[in-house]
Amino acid sequence: MTPWNMTDIPSMMSQMIEVTVNGESLSIPKGTTVLALLERLNVRSQQVAVEVNTELVKKARHSEHQLRVGDQVEIITFVGGG
């Protein structure tokens, strides 16, 4: 394993962005999609609705909708009952 060079750290940090997910701050790699975020959080996309900045992101767009700095993400889990 190659040790980190101290000059690489600012470059690595600039590749991360901050978003808020269900009220919690989270650092994610720049270019992360809604689908990638769900996978990282071990959430099955078929069982949730996702809003970004109060706008619903349709499931068909989860794999293409990239998150941006400061985005407010709400993941709403469907609960069945009877």
N, C-alpha and C. Protein backbone atom coordinates (compact mmCIF):
# COMPACT_ATOMS: atom_id res chain seq x y z
N MET A 1 0.85 -1.18 0.00
CA MET A 1 0.00 0.00 0.00
C MET A 1 0.89 1.24 0.00
N THR A 2 0.56 2.18 -0.84
CA THR A 2 1.33 3.41 -0.94
C THR A 2 0.86 4.41 0.11
N PRO A 3 1.79 4.97 0.89
CA PRO A 3 1.38 5.98 1.87
C PRO A 3 0.93 7.26 1.17
N TRP A 4 0.05 8.00 1.83
CA TRP A 4 -0.41 9.26 1.28
C TRP A 4 0.73 10.27 1.30
N ASN A 5 0.80 11.03 0.27
CA ASN A 5 1.70 12.17 0.22
C ASN A 5 0.90 13.35 0.77
N MET A 6 1.47 14.11 1.68
CA MET A 6 0.76 15.22 2.30
C MET A 6 0.25 16.22 1.27
N THR A 7 0.91 16.33 0.14
CA THR A 7 0.44 17.27 -0.89
C THR A 7 -0.81 16.75 -1.59
N ASP A 8 -1.13 15.45 -1.45
CA ASP A 8 -2.32 14.88 -2.07
C ASP A 8 -3.59 15.16 -1.27
N ILE A 9 -3.47 15.47 0.00
CA ILE A 9 -4.64 15.62 0.86
C ILE A 9 -5.57 16.74 0.39
N PRO A 10 -5.10 17.94 0.06
CA PRO A 10 -6.05 18.95 -0.43
C PRO A 10 -6.78 18.50 -1.68
N SER A 11 -6.12 17.80 -2.56
CA SER A 11 -6.76 17.30 -3.78
C SER A 11 -7.85 16.30 -3.42
N MET A 12 -7.56 15.40 -2.48
CA MET A 12 -8.54 14.41 -2.08
C MET A 12 -9.74 15.08 -1.41
N MET A 13 -9.50 16.08 -0.59
CA MET A 13 -10.57 16.77 0.12
C MET A 13 -11.45 17.55 -0.86
N SER A 14 -10.88 18.08 -1.93
CA SER A 14 -11.68 18.84 -2.88
C SER A 14 -12.59 17.94 -3.68
N GLN A 15 -12.37 16.64 -3.60
CA GLN A 15 -13.22 15.69 -4.30
C GLN A 15 -14.44 15.28 -3.47
N MET A 16 -14.53 15.78 -2.25
CA MET A 16 -15.65 15.47 -1.37
C MET A 16 -16.57 16.68 -1.27
N ILE A 17 -17.87 16.43 -1.12
CA ILE A 17 -18.83 17.50 -0.92
C ILE A 17 -19.67 17.18 0.31
N GLU A 18 -20.28 18.22 0.87
CA GLU A 18 -21.16 18.05 2.03
C GLU A 18 -22.61 18.15 1.58
N VAL A 19 -23.41 17.18 1.99
CA VAL A 19 -24.85 17.22 1.79
C VAL A 19 -25.50 16.90 3.13
N THR A 20 -26.80 17.12 3.21
CA THR A 20 -27.54 16.76 4.42
C THR A 20 -28.53 15.67 4.05
N VAL A 21 -28.48 14.57 4.78
CA VAL A 21 -29.36 13.43 4.53
C VAL A 21 -30.21 13.21 5.77
N ASN A 22 -31.51 13.42 5.62
CA ASN A 22 -32.44 13.27 6.75
C ASN A 22 -31.95 14.02 7.98
N GLY A 23 -31.47 15.24 7.75
CA GLY A 23 -31.05 16.11 8.85
C GLY A 23 -29.63 15.91 9.34
N GLU A 24 -28.90 14.94 8.80
CA GLU A 24 -27.53 14.67 9.22
C GLU A 24 -26.54 15.06 8.13
N SER A 25 -25.49 15.79 8.49
CA SER A 25 -24.45 16.16 7.54
C SER A 25 -23.66 14.93 7.12
N LEU A 26 -23.35 14.86 5.82
CA LEU A 26 -22.64 13.70 5.29
C LEU A 26 -21.67 14.16 4.21
N SER A 27 -20.43 13.69 4.26
CA SER A 27 -19.45 13.94 3.21
C SER A 27 -19.51 12.80 2.21
N ILE A 28 -19.65 13.15 0.93
CA ILE A 28 -19.73 12.15 -0.12
C ILE A 28 -18.81 12.58 -1.26
N PRO A 29 -18.38 11.64 -2.08
CA PRO A 29 -17.54 12.01 -3.23
C PRO A 29 -18.32 12.87 -4.22
N LYS A 30 -17.64 13.85 -4.78
CA LYS A 30 -18.24 14.69 -5.82
C LYS A 30 -18.70 13.78 -6.95
N GLY A 31 -19.89 14.03 -7.50
CA GLY A 31 -20.43 13.22 -8.58
C GLY A 31 -21.30 12.07 -8.12
N THR A 32 -21.50 11.94 -6.80
CA THR A 32 -22.35 10.87 -6.27
C THR A 32 -23.78 11.06 -6.75
N THR A 33 -24.38 9.99 -7.25
CA THR A 33 -25.78 10.02 -7.67
C THR A 33 -26.67 9.61 -6.50
N VAL A 34 -27.97 9.85 -6.67
CA VAL A 34 -28.93 9.41 -5.65
C VAL A 34 -28.81 7.90 -5.46
N LEU A 35 -28.72 7.14 -6.55
CA LEU A 35 -28.60 5.69 -6.44
C LEU A 35 -27.34 5.28 -5.68
N ALA A 36 -26.22 5.93 -5.98
CA ALA A 36 -24.96 5.61 -5.29
C ALA A 36 -25.07 5.93 -3.79
N LEU A 37 -25.74 7.03 -3.47
CA LEU A 37 -25.94 7.37 -2.05
C LEU A 37 -26.77 6.30 -1.36
N LEU A 38 -27.85 5.88 -1.99
CA LEU A 38 -28.69 4.83 -1.41
C LEU A 38 -27.90 3.55 -1.21
N GLU A 39 -27.08 3.19 -2.19
CA GLU A 39 -26.26 1.98 -2.06
C GLU A 39 -25.27 2.12 -0.91
N ARG A 40 -24.65 3.30 -0.80
CA ARG A 40 -23.70 3.54 0.30
C ARG A 40 -24.37 3.40 1.67
N LEU A 41 -25.64 3.81 1.73
CA LEU A 41 -26.38 3.75 2.99
C LEU A 41 -27.11 2.41 3.17
N ASN A 42 -26.90 1.48 2.23
CA ASN A 42 -27.56 0.16 2.28
C ASN A 42 -29.08 0.28 2.29
N VAL A 43 -29.59 1.18 1.45
CA VAL A 43 -31.03 1.39 1.32
C VAL A 43 -31.46 0.91 -0.06
N ARG A 44 -32.49 0.07 -0.10
CA ARG A 44 -33.00 -0.42 -1.38
C ARG A 44 -33.87 0.65 -2.02
N SER A 45 -33.51 1.07 -3.22
CA SER A 45 -34.21 2.18 -3.87
C SER A 45 -35.67 1.86 -4.17
N GLN A 46 -36.03 0.57 -4.26
CA GLN A 46 -37.41 0.20 -4.55
C GLN A 46 -38.33 0.47 -3.37
N GLN A 47 -37.76 0.65 -2.19
CA GLN A 47 -38.56 0.79 -0.98
C GLN A 47 -38.58 2.20 -0.41
N VAL A 48 -38.10 3.18 -1.19
CA VAL A 48 -38.04 4.54 -0.68
C VAL A 48 -38.45 5.56 -1.75
N ALA A 49 -38.79 6.73 -1.27
CA ALA A 49 -38.92 7.91 -2.13
C ALA A 49 -37.80 8.84 -1.71
N VAL A 50 -37.24 9.57 -2.67
CA VAL A 50 -36.12 10.48 -2.37
C VAL A 50 -36.47 11.88 -2.86
N GLU A 51 -36.32 12.84 -1.97
CA GLU A 51 -36.45 14.25 -2.31
C GLU A 51 -35.09 14.91 -2.19
N VAL A 52 -34.77 15.76 -3.14
CA VAL A 52 -33.57 16.59 -3.07
C VAL A 52 -34.04 18.03 -3.14
N ASN A 53 -33.77 18.77 -2.08
CA ASN A 53 -34.19 20.17 -1.99
C ASN A 53 -35.70 20.30 -2.21
N THR A 54 -36.45 19.43 -1.56
CA THR A 54 -37.92 19.35 -1.55
C THR A 54 -38.54 18.94 -2.90
N GLU A 55 -37.72 18.53 -3.86
CA GLU A 55 -38.23 18.06 -5.15
C GLU A 55 -38.06 16.54 -5.23
N LEU A 56 -39.15 15.84 -5.55
CA LEU A 56 -39.09 14.40 -5.69
C LEU A 56 -38.19 14.02 -6.86
N VAL A 57 -37.27 13.08 -6.64
CA VAL A 57 -36.43 12.53 -7.71
C VAL A 57 -37.04 11.18 -8.08
N LYS A 58 -37.56 11.09 -9.29
CA LYS A 58 -38.20 9.84 -9.73
C LYS A 58 -37.19 8.71 -9.76
N LYS A 59 -37.65 7.50 -9.45
CA LYS A 59 -36.76 6.33 -9.41
C LYS A 59 -35.99 6.16 -10.72
N ALA A 60 -36.61 6.47 -11.83
CA ALA A 60 -35.95 6.33 -13.14
C ALA A 60 -34.75 7.26 -13.26
N ARG A 61 -34.68 8.30 -12.42
CA ARG A 61 -33.58 9.26 -12.48
C ARG A 61 -32.56 9.07 -11.35
N HIS A 62 -32.78 8.12 -10.46
CA HIS A 62 -31.85 7.91 -9.34
C HIS A 62 -30.41 7.69 -9.81
N SER A 63 -30.24 6.98 -10.92
CA SER A 63 -28.88 6.66 -11.38
C SER A 63 -28.21 7.82 -12.11
N GLU A 64 -28.96 8.86 -12.44
CA GLU A 64 -28.36 9.98 -13.17
C GLU A 64 -28.37 11.30 -12.41
N HIS A 65 -29.18 11.40 -11.37
CA HIS A 65 -29.27 12.66 -10.61
C HIS A 65 -28.07 12.78 -9.68
N GLN A 66 -27.15 13.67 -10.02
CA GLN A 66 -25.95 13.88 -9.20
C GLN A 66 -26.24 14.90 -8.10
N LEU A 67 -25.75 14.58 -6.92
CA LEU A 67 -25.92 15.48 -5.78
C LEU A 67 -24.87 16.58 -5.83
N ARG A 68 -25.25 17.75 -5.32
CA ARG A 68 -24.36 18.91 -5.33
C ARG A 68 -24.14 19.42 -3.90
N VAL A 69 -23.11 20.22 -3.76
CA VAL A 69 -22.77 20.81 -2.46
C VAL A 69 -24.01 21.45 -1.84
N GLY A 70 -24.27 21.10 -0.59
CA GLY A 70 -25.36 21.72 0.15
C GLY A 70 -26.73 21.14 -0.09
N ASP A 71 -26.85 20.14 -0.95
CA ASP A 71 -28.16 19.54 -1.19
C ASP A 71 -28.76 19.01 0.10
N GLN A 72 -30.06 19.16 0.22
CA GLN A 72 -30.83 18.62 1.35
C GLN A 72 -31.58 17.40 0.83
N VAL A 73 -31.18 16.23 1.28
CA VAL A 73 -31.76 14.96 0.81
C VAL A 73 -32.65 14.38 1.90
N GLU A 74 -33.85 14.01 1.51
CA GLU A 74 -34.76 13.31 2.42
C GLU A 74 -35.06 11.95 1.82
N ILE A 75 -34.81 10.91 2.58
CA ILE A 75 -35.10 9.54 2.15
C ILE A 75 -36.30 9.08 2.99
N ILE A 76 -37.40 8.81 2.30
CA ILE A 76 -38.64 8.43 2.96
C ILE A 76 -38.89 6.95 2.70
N THR A 77 -38.97 6.17 3.76
CA THR A 77 -39.16 4.73 3.65
C THR A 77 -40.65 4.41 3.67
N PHE A 78 -41.05 3.55 2.73
CA PHE A 78 -42.45 3.09 2.70
C PHE A 78 -42.65 2.06 3.79
N VAL A 79 -43.77 2.20 4.50
CA VAL A 79 -44.11 1.26 5.56
C VAL A 79 -45.46 0.66 5.23
N GLY A 80 -45.50 -0.65 5.14
CA GLY A 80 -46.76 -1.33 4.86
C GLY A 80 -47.50 -1.63 6.14
N GLY A 81 -48.75 -1.80 6.01
CA GLY A 81 -49.54 -2.13 7.18
C GLY A 81 -50.92 -2.58 6.76
N GLY A 82 -51.68 -2.96 7.70
CA GLY A 82 -53.00 -3.42 7.31
C GLY A 82 -53.98 -3.43 8.41
